Amino acid sequence: MIRQRIKNLILLLIPVLLLWSACKKYDEGPLISFRSTDDRFGSQYRTIAILINGELYQEVAQCCGFWFDHKSNIVSIRSLYPLACDTLLQSNVWIKGTYMLQKGYLTLCLDTILCNSVEPPKCFGPFDQRTISIWDIKRLSYTDLVIECCNFSDKYRVYLKRNMSHL
């Protein structure tokens, strides 16, 4: 009788454990999340770090922000331009486009560069004007988003922190 109960318990736990292990969707994400992807995907992020081929570009990261409009699927990226921060703030560069979030990927279609200088600046890599880039989502939690993309021979990794001040 006790052996039968133990056997039944084990048979019940095996599918539960298999389903639980399948819940982890992102490489570096939480093991299990009770929030939907839409709830975890924020609207405003500040950039913590940008790595290009493993090299840290902290001065670019400090001046950069991402805004996602969930109703219209518009993305706005502020000041992602490989110059010093004070130059970025003076030129007030915005890159705009659309995004799509699905099954572990974030697709960015950037088509407009807006700035208050006479000539629009040249951006770099997957952030250039008229670029479609597919980013692998490595981590998506309520507070963090880590995305990774290969552009030609370069590997880009962007660490974003959700801006909680607007909530």
Protein backbone atom coordinates (compact mmCIF):
# COMPACT_ATOMS: atom_id res chain seq x y z
CA MET A 1 0.00 0.00 0.00
CA ILE A 2 2.75 2.49 0.95
CA ARG A 3 4.85 1.39 -2.02
CA GLN A 4 1.88 2.03 -4.33
CA ARG A 5 1.47 5.57 -2.94
CA ILE A 6 5.15 6.32 -3.39
CA LYS A 7 5.00 4.96 -6.92
CA ASN A 8 1.95 7.11 -7.72
CA LEU A 9 3.64 10.18 -6.22
CA ILE A 10 6.74 9.62 -8.32
CA LEU A 11 4.64 9.14 -11.45
CA LEU A 12 2.83 12.39 -10.68
CA LEU A 13 6.03 14.37 -9.98
CA ILE A 14 7.87 13.34 -13.15
CA PRO A 15 5.57 15.26 -15.57
CA VAL A 16 5.46 18.25 -13.21
CA LEU A 17 9.26 18.40 -13.08
CA LEU A 18 9.51 18.04 -16.85
CA LEU A 19 7.04 20.89 -17.38
CA TRP A 20 8.83 23.05 -14.82
CA SER A 21 12.18 22.60 -16.54
CA ALA A 22 10.58 23.60 -19.86
CA CYS A 23 9.40 26.92 -18.39
CA LYS A 24 12.82 28.55 -18.66
CA LYS A 25 12.56 30.50 -21.89
CA TYR A 26 15.67 32.69 -21.87
CA ASP A 27 19.28 31.56 -21.39
CA GLU A 28 19.95 33.85 -18.43
CA GLY A 29 16.37 34.44 -17.36
CA PRO A 30 14.53 33.35 -14.25
CA LEU A 31 13.79 29.65 -13.91
CA ILE A 32 10.07 30.29 -13.75
CA SER A 33 7.99 33.45 -13.97
CA PHE A 34 4.32 33.90 -13.23
CA ARG A 35 4.20 37.14 -15.25
CA SER A 36 3.55 37.14 -18.97
CA THR A 37 6.21 38.28 -21.40
CA ASP A 38 4.24 41.48 -21.99
CA ASP A 39 4.17 42.21 -18.24
CA ARG A 40 7.92 41.67 -17.93
CA PHE A 41 8.78 43.67 -21.04
CA GLY A 42 8.89 47.27 -19.82
CA SER A 43 8.36 50.47 -21.69
CA GLN A 44 11.42 52.47 -20.55
CA TYR A 45 14.94 51.19 -20.02
CA ARG A 46 18.23 52.82 -19.19
CA THR A 47 21.32 51.20 -20.58
CA ILE A 48 23.69 49.71 -18.02
CA ALA A 49 26.36 48.40 -20.40
CA ILE A 50 27.07 47.83 -24.07
CA LEU A 51 29.62 45.24 -25.08
CA ILE A 52 30.92 45.00 -28.63
CA ASN A 53 33.01 41.88 -29.20
CA GLY A 54 33.40 41.62 -25.43
CA GLU A 55 34.76 45.18 -25.05
CA LEU A 56 32.82 47.51 -22.75
CA TYR A 57 31.60 50.84 -24.17
CA GLN A 58 30.52 52.47 -20.92
CA GLU A 59 30.50 56.07 -22.23
CA VAL A 60 27.92 55.11 -24.86
CA ALA A 61 25.87 53.15 -22.34
CA GLN A 62 25.67 56.05 -19.88
CA CYS A 63 23.96 58.26 -22.45
CA CYS A 64 21.54 55.77 -23.91
CA GLY A 65 17.90 54.96 -23.24
CA PHE A 66 15.31 52.74 -24.89
CA TRP A 67 11.56 53.50 -25.02
CA PHE A 68 9.06 50.93 -26.27
CA ASP A 69 5.47 52.01 -27.03
CA HIS A 70 3.40 48.85 -26.59
CA LYS A 71 0.31 50.20 -28.37
CA SER A 72 1.99 51.17 -31.62
CA ASN A 73 5.14 48.97 -31.43
CA ILE A 74 7.33 52.06 -31.86
CA VAL A 75 10.84 52.03 -30.40
CA SER A 76 12.85 55.18 -29.66
CA ILE A 77 16.52 54.98 -28.76
CA ARG A 78 18.14 58.12 -27.38
CA SER A 79 21.76 59.02 -27.98
CA LEU A 80 23.21 55.75 -29.19
CA TYR A 81 26.15 57.31 -30.96
CA PRO A 82 29.81 56.42 -30.38
CA LEU A 83 31.07 59.79 -29.19
CA ALA A 84 31.60 61.38 -25.81
CA CYS A 85 28.56 61.94 -23.62
CA ASP A 86 28.61 65.74 -23.77
CA THR A 87 28.58 65.62 -27.58
CA LEU A 88 25.63 63.24 -27.43
CA LEU A 89 23.65 65.49 -25.15
CA GLN A 90 24.36 68.52 -27.30
CA SER A 91 23.33 66.80 -30.51
CA ASN A 92 20.23 65.16 -28.94
CA VAL A 93 20.19 62.12 -31.24
CA TRP A 94 17.08 59.93 -31.45
CA ILE A 95 16.82 56.74 -33.47
CA LYS A 96 13.25 55.66 -34.14
CA GLY A 97 11.63 52.64 -35.68
CA THR A 98 9.37 49.72 -34.95
CA TYR A 99 9.85 46.57 -32.91
CA MET A 100 8.36 43.12 -32.64
CA LEU A 101 8.68 40.83 -29.63
CA GLN A 102 8.14 37.12 -30.13
CA LYS A 103 9.41 33.76 -28.93
CA GLY A 104 12.68 34.87 -27.38
CA TYR A 105 13.56 37.43 -30.04
CA LEU A 106 13.30 41.19 -30.33
CA THR A 107 13.27 42.50 -33.89
CA LEU A 108 14.19 46.17 -34.34
CA CYS A 109 13.50 47.95 -37.62
CA LEU A 110 15.20 51.34 -37.31
CA ASP A 111 14.35 53.80 -40.03
CA THR A 112 14.72 57.36 -38.76
CA ILE A 113 17.50 59.33 -37.11
CA LEU A 114 16.38 62.62 -35.61
CA CYS A 115 18.80 65.18 -34.24
CA ASN A 116 19.06 68.91 -33.78
CA SER A 117 22.35 69.19 -35.65
CA VAL A 118 22.52 70.12 -39.34
CA GLU A 119 23.70 66.71 -40.52
CA PRO A 120 22.39 63.49 -39.00
CA PRO A 121 25.17 61.50 -37.37
CA LYS A 122 26.32 58.12 -38.61
CA CYS A 123 25.40 55.45 -36.10
CA PHE A 124 27.03 52.07 -35.90
CA GLY A 125 26.29 48.39 -36.33
CA PRO A 126 22.73 47.25 -35.73
CA PHE A 127 21.75 50.79 -34.69
CA ASP A 128 22.35 52.33 -38.09
CA GLN A 129 19.55 53.95 -40.05
CA ARG A 130 17.41 51.63 -42.20
CA THR A 131 18.63 48.56 -40.36
CA ILE A 132 16.61 45.53 -39.37
CA SER A 133 18.26 43.56 -36.60
CA ILE A 134 17.13 40.46 -34.76
CA TRP A 135 18.18 40.39 -31.12
CA ASP A 136 18.29 37.21 -29.08
CA ILE A 137 16.75 37.88 -25.67
CA LYS A 138 19.15 36.43 -23.12
CA ARG A 139 17.35 37.67 -20.02
CA LEU A 140 13.89 39.12 -19.53
CA SER A 141 12.75 39.73 -15.99
CA TYR A 142 10.56 42.45 -14.54
CA THR A 143 13.61 44.69 -13.99
CA ASP A 144 16.24 43.50 -16.51
CA LEU A 145 16.54 42.97 -20.23
CA VAL A 146 19.68 41.58 -21.85
CA ILE A 147 19.76 41.36 -25.65
CA GLU A 148 22.42 40.09 -28.02
CA CYS A 149 22.88 40.53 -31.76
CA CYS A 150 25.50 39.71 -34.38
CA ASN A 151 26.09 42.32 -37.05
CA PHE A 152 28.50 41.18 -39.73
CA SER A 153 31.55 40.07 -37.75
CA ASP A 154 30.69 42.00 -34.58
CA LYS A 155 28.77 40.72 -31.57
CA TYR A 156 26.71 43.27 -29.62
CA ARG A 157 25.38 42.68 -26.11
CA VAL A 158 23.23 45.32 -24.41
CA TYR A 159 22.32 45.28 -20.70
CA LEU A 160 19.19 47.29 -19.90
CA LYS A 161 17.57 48.13 -16.56
CA ARG A 162 13.88 48.99 -16.39
CA ASN A 163 13.21 52.58 -15.44
CA MET A 164 10.94 52.24 -12.41
CA SER A 165 10.45 55.98 -11.80
CA HIS A 166 7.54 56.23 -14.26
CA LEU A 167 5.53 53.42 -12.61
